Amino acid sequence: MLLEMKKITLLNGDGFGQKSNIIEYYEIRPRIFDKISELKNEGASNEKIISIWSEETDFNKDLIKFIL
């Protein structure tokens, strides 16, 4: 009755594929942390590390900031 009052119609169908391309989890391998440590030891700024890793990997810049 509530759905009728709100004029909501339920359709019978398949919801497969809805947002199926979203990756919920990443595995951060130890070599990434090692490489970041190397860059920091060489004096690279966080912005430089972010630009390097965003070009070399498919990681989002926000994820790289979080790792840093």
C-alpha atoms as a PDB file:
ATOM      1  CA  MET A   1       0.000   0.000   0.000  1.00  0.00           C
ATOM      2  CA  LEU A   2       2.880   2.365   0.809  1.00  0.00           C
ATOM      3  CA  LEU A   3       4.412   1.790  -2.629  1.00  0.00           C
ATOM      4  CA  GLU A   4       1.097   2.588  -4.281  1.00  0.00           C
ATOM      5  CA  MET A   5       0.774   5.789  -2.246  1.00  0.00           C
ATOM      6  CA  LYS A   6       4.270   6.862  -3.322  1.00  0.00           C
ATOM      7  CA  LYS A   7       3.471   5.833  -6.926  1.00  0.00           C
ATOM      8  CA  ILE A   8       6.372   3.367  -6.967  1.00  0.00           C
ATOM      9  CA  THR A   9       6.095   0.489  -9.394  1.00  0.00           C
ATOM     10  CA  LEU A  10       8.129  -2.668  -8.949  1.00  0.00           C
ATOM     11  CA  LEU A  11       9.337  -4.229 -12.164  1.00  0.00           C
ATOM     12  CA  ASN A  12      10.239  -7.871 -12.499  1.00  0.00           C
ATOM     13  CA  GLY A  13      13.677  -8.205 -14.027  1.00  0.00           C
ATOM     14  CA  ASP A  14      17.337  -8.894 -13.609  1.00  0.00           C
ATOM     15  CA  GLY A  15      19.570  -6.411 -11.814  1.00  0.00           C
ATOM     16  CA  PHE A  16      22.757  -8.150 -12.934  1.00  0.00           C
ATOM     17  CA  GLY A  17      25.533  -5.847 -14.019  1.00  0.00           C
ATOM     18  CA  GLN A  18      24.554  -2.895 -11.917  1.00  0.00           C
ATOM     19  CA  LYS A  19      27.797  -1.311 -10.756  1.00  0.00           C
ATOM     20  CA  SER A  20      29.608  -4.584 -11.295  1.00  0.00           C
ATOM     21  CA  ASN A  21      32.797  -2.825 -12.367  1.00  0.00           C
ATOM     22  CA  ILE A  22      33.437  -1.286  -8.944  1.00  0.00           C
ATOM     23  CA  ILE A  23      36.452  -2.730  -7.162  1.00  0.00           C
ATOM     24  CA  GLU A  24      35.779  -2.634  -3.448  1.00  0.00           C
ATOM     25  CA  TYR A  25      39.160  -3.865  -2.254  1.00  0.00           C
ATOM     26  CA  TYR A  26      42.758  -3.332  -3.271  1.00  0.00           C
ATOM     27  CA  GLU A  27      45.741  -5.438  -2.362  1.00  0.00           C
ATOM     28  CA  ILE A  28      48.669  -3.159  -1.605  1.00  0.00           C
ATOM     29  CA  ARG A  29      51.796  -5.167  -2.155  1.00  0.00           C
ATOM     30  CA  PRO A  30      54.889  -4.624   0.014  1.00  0.00           C
ATOM     31  CA  ARG A  31      56.959  -3.525  -3.005  1.00  0.00           C
ATOM     32  CA  ILE A  32      54.746  -0.445  -3.303  1.00  0.00           C
ATOM     33  CA  PHE A  33      55.578   0.577   0.257  1.00  0.00           C
ATOM     34  CA  ASP A  34      59.260  -0.138  -0.438  1.00  0.00           C
ATOM     35  CA  LYS A  35      59.211   2.048  -3.559  1.00  0.00           C
ATOM     36  CA  ILE A  36      57.460   4.865  -1.679  1.00  0.00           C
ATOM     37  CA  SER A  37      60.104   4.637   1.060  1.00  0.00           C
ATOM     38  CA  GLU A  38      62.855   4.824  -1.564  1.00  0.00           C
ATOM     39  CA  LEU A  39      61.310   7.932  -3.113  1.00  0.00           C
ATOM     40  CA  LYS A  40      60.932   9.574   0.297  1.00  0.00           C
ATOM     41  CA  ASN A  41      64.567   8.766   1.156  1.00  0.00           C
ATOM     42  CA  GLU A  42      65.598  10.396  -2.130  1.00  0.00           C
ATOM     43  CA  GLY A  43      63.770  13.536  -0.999  1.00  0.00           C
ATOM     44  CA  ALA A  44      60.692  13.340  -3.218  1.00  0.00           C
ATOM     45  CA  SER A  45      57.702  15.319  -1.984  1.00  0.00           C
ATOM     46  CA  ASN A  46      54.313  13.709  -1.433  1.00  0.00           C
ATOM     47  CA  GLU A  47      52.979  15.484  -4.522  1.00  0.00           C
ATOM     48  CA  LYS A  48      55.819  14.065  -6.634  1.00  0.00           C
ATOM     49  CA  ILE A  49      55.208  10.551  -5.264  1.00  0.00           C
ATOM     50  CA  ILE A  50      51.491  10.871  -6.014  1.00  0.00           C
ATOM     51  CA  SER A  51      52.148  11.972  -9.591  1.00  0.00           C
ATOM     52  CA  ILE A  52      54.655   9.152 -10.165  1.00  0.00           C
ATOM     53  CA  TRP A  53      52.387   6.443  -8.755  1.00  0.00           C
ATOM     54  CA  SER A  54      49.226   7.692 -10.445  1.00  0.00           C
ATOM     55  CA  GLU A  55      51.035   7.375 -13.797  1.00  0.00           C
ATOM     56  CA  GLU A  56      52.646   3.981 -13.055  1.00  0.00           C
ATOM     57  CA  THR A  57      49.604   2.305 -11.485  1.00  0.00           C
ATOM     58  CA  ASP A  58      45.843   2.424 -11.809  1.00  0.00           C
ATOM     59  CA  PHE A  59      45.503   3.648  -8.233  1.00  0.00           C
ATOM     60  CA  ASN A  60      43.344   6.680  -7.593  1.00  0.00           C
ATOM     61  CA  LYS A  61      45.238   9.742  -6.330  1.00  0.00           C
ATOM     62  CA  ASP A  62      43.152   9.698  -3.146  1.00  0.00           C
ATOM     63  CA  LEU A  63      44.196   6.102  -2.491  1.00  0.00           C
ATOM     64  CA  ILE A  64      47.857   7.050  -2.914  1.00  0.00           C
ATOM     65  CA  LYS A  65      47.380   9.967  -0.494  1.00  0.00           C
ATOM     66  CA  PHE A  66      45.840   7.526   1.981  1.00  0.00           C
ATOM     67  CA  ILE A  67      48.814   5.157   1.647  1.00  0.00           C
ATOM     68  CA  LEU A  68      51.244   8.026   2.187  1.00  0.00           C
END
